[in-house]
Amino acid sequence: MPINVNADQLLALLIASGSPSVAIDQTVALLLEQRLQPQTIYNRVDQMLALIVERRGLHIVLTASATTALGNGAVQVTITGTVRNPAGYLEAGIALSLGQTGFSTISAPSGVSNAQGQVFWTVTDTNIETVTYTVTNRSVSVQFTASRADGTVYGQRGPALAGAQIYAVHQPANLSSVPPSVLLNVFSDPLAQNPLAQPIITDGYGRYSFYYGSTLFTLVVSNGGTTQVYADQEVGKPSVAFHNFEWWVKSAGGPSIPGAQIFILDNNFPNIPTILGKGKPAPLQQVFSDPNGITSLVQPLITDSYGYTDCYAPAGVYIVAVYLGGRLQVTYPDQSVGGIYAGVMGRYDLWARTALGIAVPNARVLVSTQPCVIPQKLVPEFPSSLAFICSDPNGLVPVTQSLTYNANGTPIISSLTADADGHIAFYAAPNVPYTVSVYGSQNVLMYSLPDQVI
C-alpha cells in the first residue's frame, strides 16, 4: 500500500518516452484537447518487449544417480544433463553429446532436453577405472528470450524524479522486508550476461530499464520516503487470462489530472457520443478489478488524485475514449492487449517530454531496425537501418524517414514529428526489436530507446 505523505511528495508514474511507466509495457499518451488547458491521458497498452537473440554456450550440469551393481563386475549409472540459459531458465529442445575419458558403454541420449531441461544417458562399465564424463552442446545455436522493461518516474507536479529506487519483485511479493523480496534476477543487457543489482536507480530523465524473461512481477518504486506498489506488471509476454491495463492522466505541463473518465470499447464500429448526457459509448468491453476476472468494473473508470486508474482486461484490441466533465476529449483506436493487433502491424505511441516533464512539440522520432547507428545530431548524419513504419494498422500508408538536400543544398528531413503536445504514434511489424530515437531542439538527440518490440 502507498505510504501516506504530503501530496507534493506523492509519485505519479507514467511514460515520457514511449517506454512504459511503472506499469512496465508500453504506454500510450492520450491528449485531452480543451480550450483553456490541454491535458494528456497516459494509457498502458500491451506493447510487450520480448527480444529474441542468438545465444551459445549454455550452462549444462551433469549429475549421476546411485551406482547399480549388475553382477559379473559390471556397474550401471544414469547420468542426467540439465540445461539452463544464462538467465537461469531451463531450456528444452537442446541436443547434447556425452563424452568420456574411460572405456564405459554409453547409451544413446534420451533425446533433446525435455521441458525440465534434462537429457538422460545410461552408462555401463565392466572395467576397474575412474571415468570423467563431459557434455557438449550439439546444437548450432539456441534461442534465448530476454525482455526489456523500462519506464519513467515523475513527481505529482511534473518533473522527472532522478534517483528514485526501483525494485522488481517475484509474486507474491513480501513487502514487509527491506528491500522487498524475492527480487528478480534482472540484467542490464538483452543477452543476460550482466546481472543488474537492485534497487535500479532512475537517471536524470527519471528513466530506468532492465531485462528479464517473460513473467508477472510486482514493481516497487521508492523516493524520498514515499513508496508505490504495482502488482501484476508484465515483462515479456506471459500467458495470463486478464492483463493489467493502466492509465496516468497528466497535463501538458506535467501535474496529475484527477477525475478523467475512461471508457474501453470494442475496436470495431463503436458508437462514441461527444457528450455523455446524450448516451453512453458502446459496445463497452467488460473489464475487471482483479486478475482472475471475477469482479466486474462499471465504466467509466475515474482517475484518482494521482491521475491514475487501472483495470484488468482479456487479450484483444480496443478503443479508449477519454472524457472530461462528460465531454469527449479524444479517442485512441487499435490499443493492443495480450499480443492481439488490429491489422498486420501493431501500434506504438510515444510521448516526448523533458526532464521537467514538459511536452516537447515538434520533436522528431526516427525508428530503426537493429543493429543500427544513432547519431547525436540529424544533419549531416542520420540513423541507419531505418524501419518500414506506417500510419495505419494494415501497412498501406508508409511514413517517410529520410534526409535529402534540395538544389540549394538545404537539408530536408522527413520523419515522424510530435504534435504541439509532444505526441507521436506509428504502426510497425510486431515482434521485431526496434530502436526509437527522439530528437529535440536543433535536431539534437534527446534519448534513444533500444529493444522496443510491439
Protein backbone atom coordinates (compact mmCIF):
# COMPACT_ATOMS: atom_id res chain seq x y z
CA MET A 1 0.00 0.00 0.00
CA PRO A 2 1.28 3.56 -0.68
CA ILE A 3 2.65 5.43 2.33
CA ASN A 4 0.56 8.49 3.18
CA VAL A 5 2.72 11.60 2.85
CA ASN A 6 2.34 15.19 1.77
CA ALA A 7 0.71 15.39 -1.65
CA ASP A 8 3.73 17.18 -3.05
CA GLN A 9 5.79 14.04 -2.42
CA LEU A 10 3.40 11.53 -3.95
CA LEU A 11 4.56 9.73 -7.06
CA ALA A 12 2.63 9.83 -10.28
CA LEU A 13 4.33 7.30 -12.54
CA LEU A 14 3.96 7.40 -16.30
CA ILE A 15 5.78 7.22 -19.61
CA ALA A 16 7.71 10.09 -21.05
CA SER A 17 9.47 8.45 -23.92
CA GLY A 18 7.43 5.60 -25.32
CA SER A 19 8.92 3.28 -22.74
CA PRO A 20 6.43 2.13 -20.14
CA SER A 21 5.90 3.84 -16.89
CA VAL A 22 5.78 1.91 -13.67
CA ALA A 23 3.32 -0.36 -15.41
CA ILE A 24 6.17 -1.85 -17.49
CA ASP A 25 4.98 -2.48 -21.07
CA GLN A 26 4.45 0.41 -23.38
CA THR A 27 2.31 3.43 -22.56
CA VAL A 28 0.10 5.42 -24.89
CA ALA A 29 -0.24 9.16 -24.43
CA LEU A 30 -3.83 10.29 -24.85
CA LEU A 31 -4.26 14.01 -25.50
CA LEU A 32 -7.14 15.90 -23.91
CA GLU A 33 -7.98 18.86 -26.16
CA GLN A 34 -9.50 21.69 -24.08
CA ARG A 35 -9.95 25.33 -24.87
CA LEU A 36 -8.03 26.59 -21.87
CA GLN A 37 -5.76 23.78 -20.74
CA PRO A 38 -4.55 20.91 -22.92
CA GLN A 39 -4.22 17.74 -20.89
CA THR A 40 -2.78 14.33 -21.51
CA ILE A 41 -4.02 10.85 -20.69
CA TYR A 42 -1.41 8.12 -20.41
CA ASN A 43 -2.78 4.73 -21.29
CA ARG A 44 -0.87 1.49 -20.80
CA VAL A 45 -1.11 -0.94 -23.68
CA ASP A 46 0.42 -4.30 -24.36
CA GLN A 47 3.44 -3.47 -26.47
CA MET A 48 5.47 -6.17 -24.74
CA LEU A 49 9.20 -6.08 -25.01
CA ALA A 50 10.39 -9.55 -25.93
CA LEU A 51 13.71 -9.66 -27.79
CA ILE A 52 14.88 -12.95 -29.31
CA VAL A 53 18.65 -13.18 -29.57
CA GLU A 54 21.00 -15.98 -30.56
CA ARG A 55 22.90 -17.49 -27.67
CA ARG A 56 25.66 -20.08 -27.43
CA GLY A 57 27.47 -21.66 -24.51
CA LEU A 58 24.57 -22.88 -22.38
CA HIS A 59 25.20 -23.81 -18.77
CA ILE A 60 24.94 -27.61 -18.56
CA VAL A 61 25.33 -29.54 -15.29
CA LEU A 62 25.90 -33.33 -15.14
CA THR A 63 24.58 -35.37 -12.22
CA ALA A 64 24.64 -39.15 -11.62
CA SER A 65 22.21 -41.48 -9.87
CA ALA A 66 23.35 -44.13 -7.38
CA THR A 67 25.50 -46.85 -8.93
CA THR A 68 23.75 -50.16 -9.56
CA ALA A 69 25.75 -53.44 -9.45
CA LEU A 70 24.69 -55.69 -12.34
CA GLY A 71 26.86 -58.68 -11.35
CA ASN A 72 29.94 -60.11 -13.11
CA GLY A 73 31.83 -56.94 -12.17
CA ALA A 74 29.54 -54.64 -14.17
CA VAL A 75 28.08 -51.41 -12.79
CA GLN A 76 25.45 -49.12 -14.26
CA VAL A 77 24.61 -45.47 -13.61
CA THR A 78 22.20 -42.93 -15.09
CA ILE A 79 23.74 -39.57 -15.95
CA THR A 80 21.50 -36.53 -16.27
CA GLY A 81 22.46 -33.37 -18.13
CA THR A 82 20.44 -30.29 -17.10
CA VAL A 83 20.48 -27.32 -19.48
CA ARG A 84 19.96 -23.71 -18.40
CA ASN A 85 20.33 -20.48 -20.33
CA PRO A 86 22.36 -17.52 -18.99
CA ALA A 87 19.34 -16.17 -17.10
CA GLY A 88 18.95 -19.45 -15.25
CA TYR A 89 15.89 -20.71 -17.12
CA LEU A 90 15.62 -24.37 -18.07
CA GLU A 91 15.98 -24.88 -21.82
CA ALA A 92 14.04 -27.52 -23.77
CA GLY A 93 14.92 -28.85 -27.21
CA ILE A 94 18.73 -28.82 -26.87
CA ALA A 95 20.76 -31.72 -28.32
CA LEU A 96 23.68 -32.87 -26.15
CA SER A 97 26.57 -35.34 -26.56
CA LEU A 98 28.28 -37.19 -23.69
CA GLY A 99 32.00 -37.91 -23.86
CA GLN A 100 34.34 -39.83 -21.53
CA THR A 101 37.97 -40.49 -20.62
CA GLY A 102 37.43 -44.22 -19.96
CA PHE A 103 36.03 -47.34 -21.63
CA SER A 104 32.44 -47.49 -20.38
CA THR A 105 29.49 -48.08 -22.70
CA ILE A 106 27.28 -45.00 -23.11
CA SER A 107 23.70 -45.40 -24.34
CA ALA A 108 22.16 -43.08 -26.87
CA PRO A 109 20.75 -39.90 -25.28
CA SER A 110 17.09 -39.89 -24.29
CA GLY A 111 16.55 -37.19 -26.92
CA VAL A 112 16.78 -33.42 -26.88
CA SER A 113 16.33 -31.77 -23.49
CA ASN A 114 12.79 -32.09 -22.14
CA ALA A 115 10.60 -29.44 -20.51
CA GLN A 116 12.75 -29.69 -17.39
CA GLY A 117 15.87 -29.09 -19.48
CA GLN A 118 17.04 -32.69 -18.96
CA VAL A 119 18.74 -35.29 -21.14
CA PHE A 120 19.49 -38.80 -19.82
CA TRP A 121 22.15 -41.44 -20.62
CA THR A 122 22.68 -44.92 -19.18
CA VAL A 123 26.36 -45.76 -18.63
CA THR A 124 27.61 -49.34 -18.10
CA ASP A 125 31.21 -50.20 -17.14
CA THR A 126 32.96 -53.56 -16.62
CA ASN A 127 36.41 -52.07 -16.04
CA ILE A 128 38.16 -51.07 -12.85
CA GLU A 129 38.72 -47.42 -13.65
CA THR A 130 37.84 -43.82 -12.83
CA VAL A 131 35.97 -42.15 -15.69
CA THR A 132 35.41 -38.44 -16.29
CA TYR A 133 32.34 -37.57 -18.35
CA THR A 134 31.93 -34.34 -20.30
CA VAL A 135 28.97 -32.93 -22.16
CA THR A 136 28.85 -30.76 -25.26
CA ASN A 137 26.06 -28.89 -26.98
CA ARG A 138 25.42 -30.35 -30.44
CA SER A 139 23.02 -27.56 -31.40
CA VAL A 140 24.38 -24.93 -33.75
CA SER A 141 22.69 -22.22 -31.67
CA VAL A 142 19.81 -21.79 -29.30
CA GLN A 143 17.22 -19.09 -28.83
CA PHE A 144 17.30 -17.17 -25.56
CA THR A 145 14.47 -14.75 -24.76
CA ALA A 146 15.45 -11.55 -22.97
CA SER A 147 12.72 -8.97 -22.45
CA ARG A 148 13.28 -5.28 -21.85
CA ALA A 149 11.19 -3.42 -19.31
CA ASP A 150 11.66 0.31 -18.98
CA GLY A 151 9.79 3.33 -17.70
CA THR A 152 9.90 6.85 -16.32
CA VAL A 153 9.11 8.16 -12.85
CA TYR A 154 7.61 11.64 -12.41
CA GLY A 155 6.62 13.65 -9.39
CA GLN A 156 3.00 14.63 -9.00
CA ARG A 157 3.81 18.17 -10.13
CA GLY A 158 5.58 17.05 -13.28
CA PRO A 159 9.38 16.97 -13.10
CA ALA A 160 11.15 13.65 -13.53
CA LEU A 161 12.40 12.04 -10.32
CA ALA A 162 16.09 11.29 -10.68
CA GLY A 163 17.48 8.90 -8.09
CA ALA A 164 14.23 7.02 -7.41
CA GLN A 165 14.72 3.39 -6.34
CA ILE A 166 13.11 0.68 -8.48
CA TYR A 167 12.60 -2.92 -7.34
CA ALA A 168 11.28 -5.78 -9.50
CA VAL A 169 9.90 -8.50 -7.22
CA HIS A 170 8.63 -12.05 -7.67
CA GLN A 171 4.93 -12.57 -6.93
CA PRO A 172 3.59 -12.89 -4.32
CA ALA A 173 5.87 -10.13 -3.07
CA ASN A 174 6.96 -9.80 0.53
CA LEU A 175 6.66 -6.06 1.04
CA SER A 176 7.39 -6.12 4.76
CA SER A 177 11.07 -6.87 4.18
CA VAL A 178 13.65 -4.22 3.28
CA PRO A 179 14.31 -4.47 0.41
CA PRO A 180 11.14 -6.23 -0.74
CA SER A 181 11.59 -9.88 -1.64
CA VAL A 182 12.09 -12.09 -3.51
CA LEU A 183 13.87 -9.87 -6.05
CA LEU A 184 14.03 -10.91 -9.70
CA ASN A 185 17.49 -11.70 -11.05
CA VAL A 186 17.48 -8.95 -13.65
CA PHE A 187 20.11 -7.99 -16.23
CA SER A 188 21.35 -4.84 -17.92
CA ASP A 189 21.58 -6.37 -21.40
CA PRO A 190 19.43 -8.50 -23.73
CA LEU A 191 21.99 -11.33 -23.69
CA ALA A 192 21.52 -11.65 -19.92
CA GLN A 193 25.27 -11.63 -19.38
CA ASN A 194 25.47 -8.70 -16.95
CA PRO A 195 23.45 -9.00 -13.72
CA LEU A 196 21.89 -5.74 -12.58
CA ALA A 197 21.83 -5.00 -8.86
CA GLN A 198 18.64 -3.75 -7.24
CA PRO A 199 17.48 -1.17 -6.49
CA ILE A 200 17.72 0.21 -10.01
CA ILE A 201 18.25 3.97 -9.82
CA THR A 202 16.46 6.32 -12.21
CA ASP A 203 18.62 8.64 -14.32
CA GLY A 204 18.32 12.38 -14.86
CA TYR A 205 15.23 11.88 -17.02
CA GLY A 206 13.65 9.67 -14.34
CA ARG A 207 14.16 6.63 -16.57
CA TYR A 208 15.01 3.05 -15.68
CA SER A 209 15.30 -0.21 -17.59
CA PHE A 210 16.17 -3.87 -17.10
CA TYR A 211 15.97 -7.21 -18.89
CA TYR A 212 14.33 -10.40 -17.73
CA GLY A 213 12.46 -13.40 -19.07
CA SER A 214 8.70 -13.42 -19.52
CA THR A 215 6.85 -13.16 -16.20
CA LEU A 216 4.41 -11.31 -13.97
CA PHE A 217 6.01 -9.32 -11.17
CA THR A 218 5.40 -6.58 -8.63
CA LEU A 219 7.07 -3.23 -9.17
CA VAL A 220 8.02 -1.21 -6.09
CA VAL A 221 9.03 2.43 -6.53
CA SER A 222 10.54 4.37 -3.65
CA ASN A 223 11.56 8.01 -3.49
CA GLY A 224 12.10 10.31 -0.52
CA GLY A 225 10.10 8.21 1.92
CA THR A 226 7.24 7.60 -0.50
CA THR A 227 6.58 4.09 -1.76
CA GLN A 228 4.22 2.95 -4.51
CA VAL A 229 3.46 -0.72 -5.23
CA TYR A 230 2.16 -2.02 -8.56
CA ALA A 231 1.28 -5.71 -8.80
CA ASP A 232 0.76 -7.87 -11.91
CA GLN A 233 3.24 -6.00 -14.07
CA GLU A 234 4.33 -7.81 -17.22
CA VAL A 235 7.77 -8.21 -18.73
CA GLY A 236 7.93 -10.24 -21.91
CA LYS A 237 4.65 -11.85 -22.92
CA PRO A 238 3.44 -14.03 -20.07
CA SER A 239 0.33 -16.11 -20.69
CA VAL A 240 -2.46 -14.73 -18.49
CA ALA A 241 -6.25 -14.64 -18.81
CA PHE A 242 -6.55 -10.96 -17.88
CA HIS A 243 -3.94 -8.25 -18.34
CA ASN A 244 -3.34 -5.28 -16.07
CA PHE A 245 -4.43 -2.20 -18.03
CA GLU A 246 -3.38 1.17 -16.55
CA TRP A 247 -3.57 4.93 -17.16
CA TRP A 248 -1.98 8.09 -15.84
CA VAL A 249 -3.56 11.48 -16.56
CA LYS A 250 -1.12 14.38 -16.79
CA SER A 251 -1.40 17.95 -18.00
CA ALA A 252 0.85 19.17 -20.80
CA GLY A 253 2.95 20.90 -18.15
CA GLY A 254 3.18 17.78 -16.01
CA PRO A 255 0.79 17.90 -13.00
CA SER A 256 -1.59 14.99 -12.47
CA ILE A 257 -5.23 15.41 -13.50
CA PRO A 258 -7.87 13.66 -11.40
CA GLY A 259 -11.44 12.95 -12.48
CA ALA A 260 -10.88 11.97 -16.12
CA GLN A 261 -13.47 9.46 -17.37
CA ILE A 262 -12.08 6.48 -19.27
CA PHE A 263 -14.10 4.06 -21.42
CA ILE A 264 -12.74 0.88 -23.02
CA LEU A 265 -14.66 -0.18 -26.10
CA ASP A 266 -14.59 -2.87 -28.74
CA ASN A 267 -12.37 -1.72 -31.60
CA ASN A 268 -14.97 -2.48 -34.29
CA PHE A 269 -17.54 0.20 -35.18
CA PRO A 270 -18.08 1.75 -31.77
CA ASN A 271 -20.66 4.42 -31.02
CA ILE A 272 -18.90 7.22 -29.17
CA PRO A 273 -21.08 10.27 -28.33
CA THR A 274 -19.43 13.65 -27.90
CA ILE A 275 -21.42 14.33 -24.70
CA LEU A 276 -22.18 11.61 -22.16
CA GLY A 277 -25.59 13.14 -21.45
CA LYS A 278 -26.64 12.10 -24.96
CA GLY A 279 -25.76 8.44 -24.43
CA LYS A 280 -23.05 6.09 -23.28
CA PRO A 281 -20.23 4.80 -25.51
CA ALA A 282 -20.85 1.31 -26.87
CA PRO A 283 -20.07 -1.54 -27.18
CA LEU A 284 -18.12 -1.48 -23.91
CA GLN A 285 -15.50 -4.10 -23.20
CA GLN A 286 -16.11 -5.87 -19.91
CA VAL A 287 -13.25 -5.11 -17.54
CA PHE A 288 -12.48 -6.31 -14.02
CA SER A 289 -10.89 -5.20 -10.77
CA ASP A 290 -8.90 -8.42 -10.31
CA PRO A 291 -6.54 -10.60 -12.39
CA ASN A 292 -8.96 -13.56 -12.26
CA GLY A 293 -11.83 -11.72 -13.94
CA ILE A 294 -14.23 -12.22 -11.03
CA THR A 295 -15.38 -8.72 -10.10
CA SER A 296 -16.64 -6.55 -12.96
CA LEU A 297 -15.98 -2.83 -13.01
CA VAL A 298 -18.58 -0.25 -14.02
CA GLN A 299 -17.39 2.17 -16.68
CA PRO A 300 -16.26 4.89 -16.89
CA LEU A 301 -13.10 4.37 -14.89
CA ILE A 302 -12.22 7.54 -12.94
CA THR A 303 -8.67 8.73 -12.41
CA ASP A 304 -7.72 9.38 -8.78
CA SER A 305 -5.72 12.22 -7.21
CA TYR A 306 -2.58 10.81 -8.79
CA GLY A 307 -4.25 10.91 -12.21
CA TYR A 308 -4.19 7.12 -12.14
CA THR A 309 -6.69 4.33 -12.79
CA ASP A 310 -6.45 0.70 -13.81
CA CYS A 311 -8.41 -2.45 -14.59
CA TYR A 312 -7.92 -5.98 -15.95
CA ALA A 313 -8.93 -6.90 -19.50
CA PRO A 314 -8.66 -10.00 -21.69
CA ALA A 315 -6.36 -10.07 -24.70
CA GLY A 316 -7.84 -8.05 -27.54
CA VAL A 317 -7.81 -4.77 -29.46
CA TYR A 318 -9.71 -1.84 -28.00
CA ILE A 319 -10.60 1.81 -28.47
CA VAL A 320 -10.01 4.03 -25.48
CA ALA A 321 -12.36 7.02 -25.20
CA VAL A 322 -11.42 9.82 -22.83
CA TYR A 323 -13.94 12.26 -21.38
CA LEU A 324 -13.56 15.17 -19.02
CA GLY A 325 -16.59 16.77 -17.45
CA GLY A 326 -18.76 14.50 -19.56
CA ARG A 327 -17.35 15.78 -22.86
CA LEU A 328 -15.34 13.66 -25.27
CA GLN A 329 -11.72 14.75 -25.46
CA VAL A 330 -10.09 12.13 -27.65
CA THR A 331 -10.39 8.53 -28.83
CA TYR A 332 -7.47 6.20 -29.40
CA PRO A 333 -8.10 3.15 -31.59
CA ASP A 334 -6.07 -0.03 -32.07
CA GLN A 335 -4.90 -0.36 -28.47
CA SER A 336 -3.38 -3.84 -28.22
CA VAL A 337 -3.60 -6.08 -25.16
CA GLY A 338 -2.02 -9.53 -24.91
CA GLY A 339 -0.35 -9.52 -28.32
CA ILE A 340 -3.55 -9.06 -30.37
CA TYR A 341 -3.30 -6.46 -33.15
CA ALA A 342 -5.78 -4.52 -35.29
CA GLY A 343 -4.01 -5.49 -38.52
CA VAL A 344 -0.71 -6.79 -39.79
CA MET A 345 1.02 -4.05 -37.80
CA GLY A 346 0.92 -3.03 -34.18
CA ARG A 347 0.61 0.48 -32.82
CA TYR A 348 3.36 2.25 -30.83
CA ASP A 349 2.64 5.54 -29.04
CA LEU A 350 5.29 7.87 -27.70
CA TRP A 351 5.13 10.96 -25.53
CA ALA A 352 8.19 13.21 -25.75
CA ARG A 353 8.91 15.10 -22.52
CA THR A 354 11.84 16.90 -20.97
CA ALA A 355 13.34 16.14 -17.57
CA LEU A 356 10.92 18.75 -16.21
CA GLY A 357 8.01 16.72 -17.51
CA ILE A 358 7.10 19.28 -20.15
CA ALA A 359 5.94 18.11 -23.58
CA VAL A 360 8.34 18.69 -26.49
CA PRO A 361 6.43 19.89 -29.57
CA ASN A 362 7.96 19.23 -32.98
CA ALA A 363 10.28 16.56 -31.59
CA ARG A 364 11.42 14.25 -34.37
CA VAL A 365 11.22 10.49 -33.93
CA LEU A 366 13.19 8.02 -36.07
CA VAL A 367 12.58 4.29 -35.96
CA SER A 368 15.36 1.83 -36.86
CA THR A 369 15.65 -1.93 -37.01
CA GLN A 370 18.56 -3.44 -35.11
CA PRO A 371 21.52 -3.30 -35.20
CA CYS A 372 21.73 0.40 -36.04
CA VAL A 373 23.83 3.52 -35.55
CA ILE A 374 22.19 6.52 -33.88
CA PRO A 375 23.96 9.89 -34.37
CA GLN A 376 23.91 12.69 -31.82
CA LYS A 377 22.57 15.11 -34.43
CA LEU A 378 20.45 14.50 -37.54
CA VAL A 379 22.40 16.64 -40.02
CA PRO A 380 24.68 15.73 -41.75
CA GLU A 381 24.25 12.24 -40.26
CA PHE A 382 21.08 10.20 -39.97
CA PRO A 383 20.07 7.00 -38.12
CA SER A 384 20.89 3.81 -40.03
CA SER A 385 18.72 0.76 -40.74
CA LEU A 386 15.51 2.78 -40.94
CA ALA A 387 12.41 0.67 -40.38
CA PHE A 388 9.29 0.38 -42.51
CA ILE A 389 6.63 2.20 -40.48
CA CYS A 390 3.12 3.28 -41.36
CA SER A 391 0.28 5.46 -40.18
CA ASP A 392 -2.30 2.64 -40.36
CA PRO A 393 -2.52 -0.91 -38.93
CA ASN A 394 -2.69 -2.56 -42.35
CA GLY A 395 0.60 -1.13 -43.62
CA LEU A 396 -0.98 0.75 -46.52
CA VAL A 397 0.23 4.29 -45.74
CA PRO A 398 4.02 4.35 -45.25
CA VAL A 399 5.72 7.07 -43.22
CA THR A 400 8.83 8.50 -44.91
CA GLN A 401 12.06 8.64 -42.92
CA SER A 402 14.85 10.31 -44.86
CA LEU A 403 17.46 13.05 -45.12
CA THR A 404 17.75 14.72 -48.53
CA TYR A 405 19.00 18.03 -49.88
CA ASN A 406 17.36 20.48 -52.27
CA ALA A 407 19.08 22.21 -55.19
CA ASN A 408 20.50 24.84 -52.82
CA GLY A 409 21.99 22.21 -50.54
CA THR A 410 19.46 22.80 -47.79
CA PRO A 411 18.76 19.61 -45.79
CA ILE A 412 15.21 18.25 -45.88
CA ILE A 413 14.29 15.87 -43.07
CA SER A 414 11.27 13.60 -43.35
CA SER A 415 10.23 11.81 -40.15
CA LEU A 416 7.57 11.37 -37.55
CA THR A 417 7.06 14.73 -35.85
CA ALA A 418 5.44 15.33 -32.50
CA ASP A 419 2.33 17.49 -32.45
CA ALA A 420 2.01 20.63 -30.35
CA ASP A 421 1.60 18.49 -27.25
CA GLY A 422 4.53 16.15 -27.97
CA HIS A 423 2.58 13.06 -29.06
CA ILE A 424 3.75 10.65 -31.76
CA ALA A 425 2.21 7.37 -32.93
CA PHE A 426 3.11 4.88 -35.66
CA TYR A 427 2.48 1.30 -36.77
CA ALA A 428 5.18 -1.30 -37.37
CA ALA A 429 5.57 -5.06 -37.68
CA PRO A 430 5.12 -6.71 -34.27
CA ASN A 431 7.65 -8.95 -32.53
CA VAL A 432 10.62 -7.18 -34.11
CA PRO A 433 13.13 -5.20 -31.99
CA TYR A 434 13.40 -1.53 -32.90
CA THR A 435 15.41 1.42 -31.67
CA VAL A 436 13.28 4.55 -31.29
CA SER A 437 15.27 7.80 -31.27
CA VAL A 438 13.89 11.16 -30.13
CA TYR A 439 15.46 14.41 -31.36
CA GLY A 440 14.59 17.79 -29.87
CA SER A 441 15.72 21.35 -30.43
CA GLN A 442 18.10 21.83 -33.38
CA ASN A 443 17.68 18.11 -34.19
CA VAL A 444 19.94 17.09 -31.29
CA LEU A 445 19.38 13.63 -29.82
CA MET A 446 17.43 13.69 -26.54
CA TYR A 447 17.46 9.93 -25.99
CA SER A 448 17.10 6.61 -27.80
CA LEU A 449 15.18 3.54 -26.69
CA PRO A 450 16.66 0.21 -27.88
CA ASP A 451 14.92 -3.17 -27.98
CA GLN A 452 11.43 -1.76 -28.38
CA VAL A 453 9.09 -4.54 -29.51
CA ILE A 454 5.44 -4.01 -30.36
